[in-house]
Amino acid sequence: SIGNGARTILFNDEVHTFEEVANQLVRAIRCTFARGLALANAVHHIGSAVVYEGHLERCEAVAMVLEEIGLKTRVER
């Protein structure tokens, strides 16, 4: 990872729908709904996915938004 590289990882759960996850990703990382669905799909099939990379503070903010609806995340440096 480069410079201030941190990343937010989103983990799969059996609770939320693809649409719920996608909508929360739109809010958290300001992506399109289509991108949110693609990430939700990756999380579902692989078990987790890096949904954001950047400054640590921003990664933590992204994680907080995702966790608002009970999604499981981890921020790594």
N, C-alpha and C. Protein backbone atom coordinates (compact mmCIF):
# COMPACT_ATOMS: atom_id res chain seq x y z
N SER A 1 0.85 -1.19 0.00
CA SER A 1 0.00 0.00 0.00
C SER A 1 0.88 1.24 0.00
N ILE A 2 0.40 2.29 -0.56
CA ILE A 2 1.20 3.49 -0.75
C ILE A 2 0.80 4.59 0.21
N GLY A 3 1.80 5.37 0.60
CA GLY A 3 1.55 6.57 1.40
C GLY A 3 0.70 6.32 2.61
N ASN A 4 -0.48 6.92 2.63
CA ASN A 4 -1.39 6.78 3.76
C ASN A 4 -2.33 5.59 3.54
N GLY A 5 -1.85 4.59 2.83
CA GLY A 5 -2.73 3.52 2.42
C GLY A 5 -3.33 2.73 3.56
N ALA A 6 -4.60 2.86 3.72
CA ALA A 6 -5.38 1.99 4.59
C ALA A 6 -6.51 1.46 3.73
N ARG A 7 -7.21 0.45 4.24
CA ARG A 7 -8.32 -0.07 3.46
C ARG A 7 -9.45 -0.53 4.36
N THR A 8 -10.65 -0.42 3.81
CA THR A 8 -11.85 -0.87 4.52
C THR A 8 -12.31 -2.16 3.87
N ILE A 9 -12.43 -3.19 4.68
CA ILE A 9 -12.87 -4.49 4.20
C ILE A 9 -14.29 -4.74 4.70
N LEU A 10 -15.14 -5.19 3.80
CA LEU A 10 -16.51 -5.53 4.15
C LEU A 10 -16.66 -7.04 4.12
N PHE A 11 -17.29 -7.59 5.16
CA PHE A 11 -17.46 -9.04 5.27
C PHE A 11 -18.89 -9.46 4.96
N ASN A 12 -19.03 -10.65 4.45
CA ASN A 12 -20.35 -11.20 4.13
C ASN A 12 -21.12 -11.51 5.41
N ASP A 13 -22.43 -11.35 5.33
CA ASP A 13 -23.30 -11.85 6.38
C ASP A 13 -24.53 -12.42 5.70
N GLU A 14 -25.34 -13.12 6.43
CA GLU A 14 -26.54 -13.72 5.83
C GLU A 14 -27.77 -12.91 6.21
N VAL A 15 -27.57 -11.68 6.61
CA VAL A 15 -28.67 -10.86 7.14
C VAL A 15 -29.18 -9.86 6.11
N HIS A 16 -28.27 -9.16 5.44
CA HIS A 16 -28.65 -8.05 4.58
C HIS A 16 -28.84 -8.49 3.13
N THR A 17 -29.76 -7.81 2.44
CA THR A 17 -29.97 -8.07 1.02
C THR A 17 -28.89 -7.36 0.21
N PHE A 18 -28.74 -7.78 -1.05
CA PHE A 18 -27.79 -7.12 -1.95
C PHE A 18 -28.13 -5.63 -2.05
N GLU A 19 -29.43 -5.32 -2.13
CA GLU A 19 -29.85 -3.93 -2.28
C GLU A 19 -29.50 -3.10 -1.04
N GLU A 20 -29.69 -3.68 0.15
CA GLU A 20 -29.34 -2.96 1.38
C GLU A 20 -27.84 -2.66 1.42
N VAL A 21 -27.04 -3.67 1.09
CA VAL A 21 -25.59 -3.49 1.10
C VAL A 21 -25.18 -2.46 0.04
N ALA A 22 -25.74 -2.59 -1.15
CA ALA A 22 -25.41 -1.66 -2.23
C ALA A 22 -25.78 -0.22 -1.86
N ASN A 23 -26.98 -0.03 -1.30
CA ASN A 23 -27.40 1.31 -0.90
C ASN A 23 -26.49 1.90 0.16
N GLN A 24 -26.03 1.07 1.09
CA GLN A 24 -25.16 1.58 2.14
C GLN A 24 -23.78 1.90 1.57
N LEU A 25 -23.32 1.11 0.61
CA LEU A 25 -22.05 1.40 -0.06
C LEU A 25 -22.12 2.72 -0.83
N VAL A 26 -23.26 2.98 -1.45
CA VAL A 26 -23.46 4.26 -2.16
C VAL A 26 -23.25 5.41 -1.18
N ARG A 27 -23.82 5.27 0.02
CA ARG A 27 -23.68 6.31 1.06
C ARG A 27 -22.25 6.39 1.57
N ALA A 28 -21.62 5.22 1.79
CA ALA A 28 -20.32 5.17 2.44
C ALA A 28 -19.18 5.60 1.54
N ILE A 29 -19.18 5.12 0.29
CA ILE A 29 -18.04 5.41 -0.60
C ILE A 29 -18.44 6.25 -1.80
N ARG A 30 -19.69 6.67 -1.83
CA ARG A 30 -20.19 7.56 -2.90
C ARG A 30 -19.97 6.95 -4.28
N CYS A 31 -20.33 5.68 -4.40
CA CYS A 31 -20.25 5.00 -5.69
C CYS A 31 -21.64 4.95 -6.31
N THR A 32 -21.71 4.44 -7.53
CA THR A 32 -23.02 4.23 -8.16
C THR A 32 -23.67 3.00 -7.53
N PHE A 33 -24.99 2.89 -7.70
CA PHE A 33 -25.71 1.72 -7.19
C PHE A 33 -25.19 0.45 -7.88
N ALA A 34 -24.89 0.56 -9.17
CA ALA A 34 -24.36 -0.59 -9.92
C ALA A 34 -23.04 -1.07 -9.33
N ARG A 35 -22.16 -0.11 -8.98
CA ARG A 35 -20.88 -0.46 -8.36
C ARG A 35 -21.12 -1.09 -6.98
N GLY A 36 -22.07 -0.53 -6.24
CA GLY A 36 -22.43 -1.08 -4.93
C GLY A 36 -22.90 -2.52 -5.04
N LEU A 37 -23.72 -2.79 -6.05
CA LEU A 37 -24.20 -4.16 -6.27
C LEU A 37 -23.06 -5.09 -6.64
N ALA A 38 -22.13 -4.61 -7.47
CA ALA A 38 -20.98 -5.43 -7.87
C ALA A 38 -20.12 -5.78 -6.66
N LEU A 39 -19.92 -4.80 -5.78
CA LEU A 39 -19.14 -5.05 -4.56
C LEU A 39 -19.89 -6.00 -3.64
N ALA A 40 -21.20 -5.81 -3.49
CA ALA A 40 -22.01 -6.69 -2.66
C ALA A 40 -21.94 -8.13 -3.17
N ASN A 41 -21.95 -8.27 -4.48
CA ASN A 41 -21.85 -9.57 -5.12
C ASN A 41 -20.51 -10.23 -4.82
N ALA A 42 -19.43 -9.44 -4.91
CA ALA A 42 -18.09 -9.96 -4.61
C ALA A 42 -18.00 -10.41 -3.16
N VAL A 43 -18.52 -9.59 -2.25
CA VAL A 43 -18.52 -9.92 -0.82
C VAL A 43 -19.28 -11.23 -0.59
N HIS A 44 -20.42 -11.37 -1.26
CA HIS A 44 -21.26 -12.55 -1.10
C HIS A 44 -20.53 -13.82 -1.56
N HIS A 45 -19.87 -13.73 -2.70
CA HIS A 45 -19.25 -14.92 -3.29
C HIS A 45 -17.88 -15.24 -2.71
N ILE A 46 -17.13 -14.21 -2.32
CA ILE A 46 -15.75 -14.43 -1.84
C ILE A 46 -15.70 -14.45 -0.31
N GLY A 47 -16.67 -13.79 0.33
CA GLY A 47 -16.69 -13.74 1.79
C GLY A 47 -16.30 -12.39 2.34
N SER A 48 -15.50 -11.65 1.58
CA SER A 48 -15.13 -10.28 1.96
C SER A 48 -14.57 -9.59 0.73
N ALA A 49 -14.49 -8.27 0.80
CA ALA A 49 -13.88 -7.50 -0.28
C ALA A 49 -13.41 -6.16 0.25
N VAL A 50 -12.33 -5.65 -0.34
CA VAL A 50 -11.88 -4.29 -0.03
C VAL A 50 -12.83 -3.36 -0.76
N VAL A 51 -13.54 -2.53 -0.01
CA VAL A 51 -14.51 -1.63 -0.64
C VAL A 51 -14.01 -0.19 -0.73
N TYR A 52 -12.91 0.11 0.00
CA TYR A 52 -12.35 1.45 -0.08
C TYR A 52 -10.89 1.42 0.31
N GLU A 53 -10.07 2.20 -0.39
CA GLU A 53 -8.66 2.36 -0.02
C GLU A 53 -8.34 3.84 0.00
N GLY A 54 -7.60 4.28 1.01
CA GLY A 54 -7.24 5.69 1.10
C GLY A 54 -6.71 6.04 2.47
N HIS A 55 -6.90 7.30 2.86
CA HIS A 55 -6.45 7.75 4.18
C HIS A 55 -7.15 6.97 5.29
N LEU A 56 -6.43 6.70 6.37
CA LEU A 56 -6.96 5.94 7.49
C LEU A 56 -8.27 6.54 8.01
N GLU A 57 -8.29 7.87 8.19
CA GLU A 57 -9.48 8.53 8.74
C GLU A 57 -10.69 8.30 7.84
N ARG A 58 -10.47 8.39 6.54
CA ARG A 58 -11.57 8.19 5.59
C ARG A 58 -12.03 6.72 5.61
N CYS A 59 -11.08 5.81 5.70
CA CYS A 59 -11.43 4.38 5.78
C CYS A 59 -12.28 4.10 7.01
N GLU A 60 -11.92 4.73 8.13
CA GLU A 60 -12.68 4.55 9.36
C GLU A 60 -14.08 5.15 9.23
N ALA A 61 -14.17 6.29 8.54
CA ALA A 61 -15.48 6.93 8.33
C ALA A 61 -16.36 6.04 7.45
N VAL A 62 -15.77 5.45 6.43
CA VAL A 62 -16.49 4.51 5.54
C VAL A 62 -17.01 3.33 6.37
N ALA A 63 -16.16 2.77 7.20
CA ALA A 63 -16.54 1.63 8.04
C ALA A 63 -17.71 2.01 8.96
N MET A 64 -17.66 3.21 9.52
CA MET A 64 -18.72 3.65 10.43
C MET A 64 -20.07 3.72 9.72
N VAL A 65 -20.07 4.23 8.49
CA VAL A 65 -21.33 4.31 7.73
C VAL A 65 -21.85 2.90 7.44
N LEU A 66 -20.96 2.00 7.04
CA LEU A 66 -21.39 0.62 6.74
C LEU A 66 -21.93 -0.06 7.99
N GLU A 67 -21.31 0.23 9.13
CA GLU A 67 -21.72 -0.41 10.39
C GLU A 67 -23.04 0.15 10.93
N GLU A 68 -23.47 1.30 10.41
CA GLU A 68 -24.76 1.88 10.85
C GLU A 68 -25.91 0.89 10.70
N ILE A 69 -25.84 0.03 9.68
CA ILE A 69 -26.92 -0.95 9.48
C ILE A 69 -26.49 -2.34 9.93
N GLY A 70 -25.37 -2.42 10.65
CA GLY A 70 -24.94 -3.68 11.23
C GLY A 70 -24.04 -4.52 10.34
N LEU A 71 -23.49 -3.91 9.30
CA LEU A 71 -22.55 -4.65 8.45
C LEU A 71 -21.23 -4.84 9.19
N LYS A 72 -20.52 -5.92 8.87
CA LYS A 72 -19.24 -6.22 9.52
C LYS A 72 -18.11 -5.69 8.65
N THR A 73 -17.23 -4.89 9.28
CA THR A 73 -16.11 -4.32 8.54
C THR A 73 -14.82 -4.45 9.34
N ARG A 74 -13.71 -4.22 8.65
CA ARG A 74 -12.43 -4.08 9.34
C ARG A 74 -11.59 -3.08 8.56
N VAL A 75 -10.91 -2.21 9.28
CA VAL A 75 -9.99 -1.26 8.65
C VAL A 75 -8.57 -1.76 8.91
N GLU A 76 -7.79 -1.86 7.84
CA GLU A 76 -6.39 -2.32 7.95
C GLU A 76 -5.47 -1.24 7.41
N ARG A 77 -4.31 -1.10 8.06
CA ARG A 77 -3.28 -0.22 7.54
C ARG A 77 -2.42 -0.98 6.55
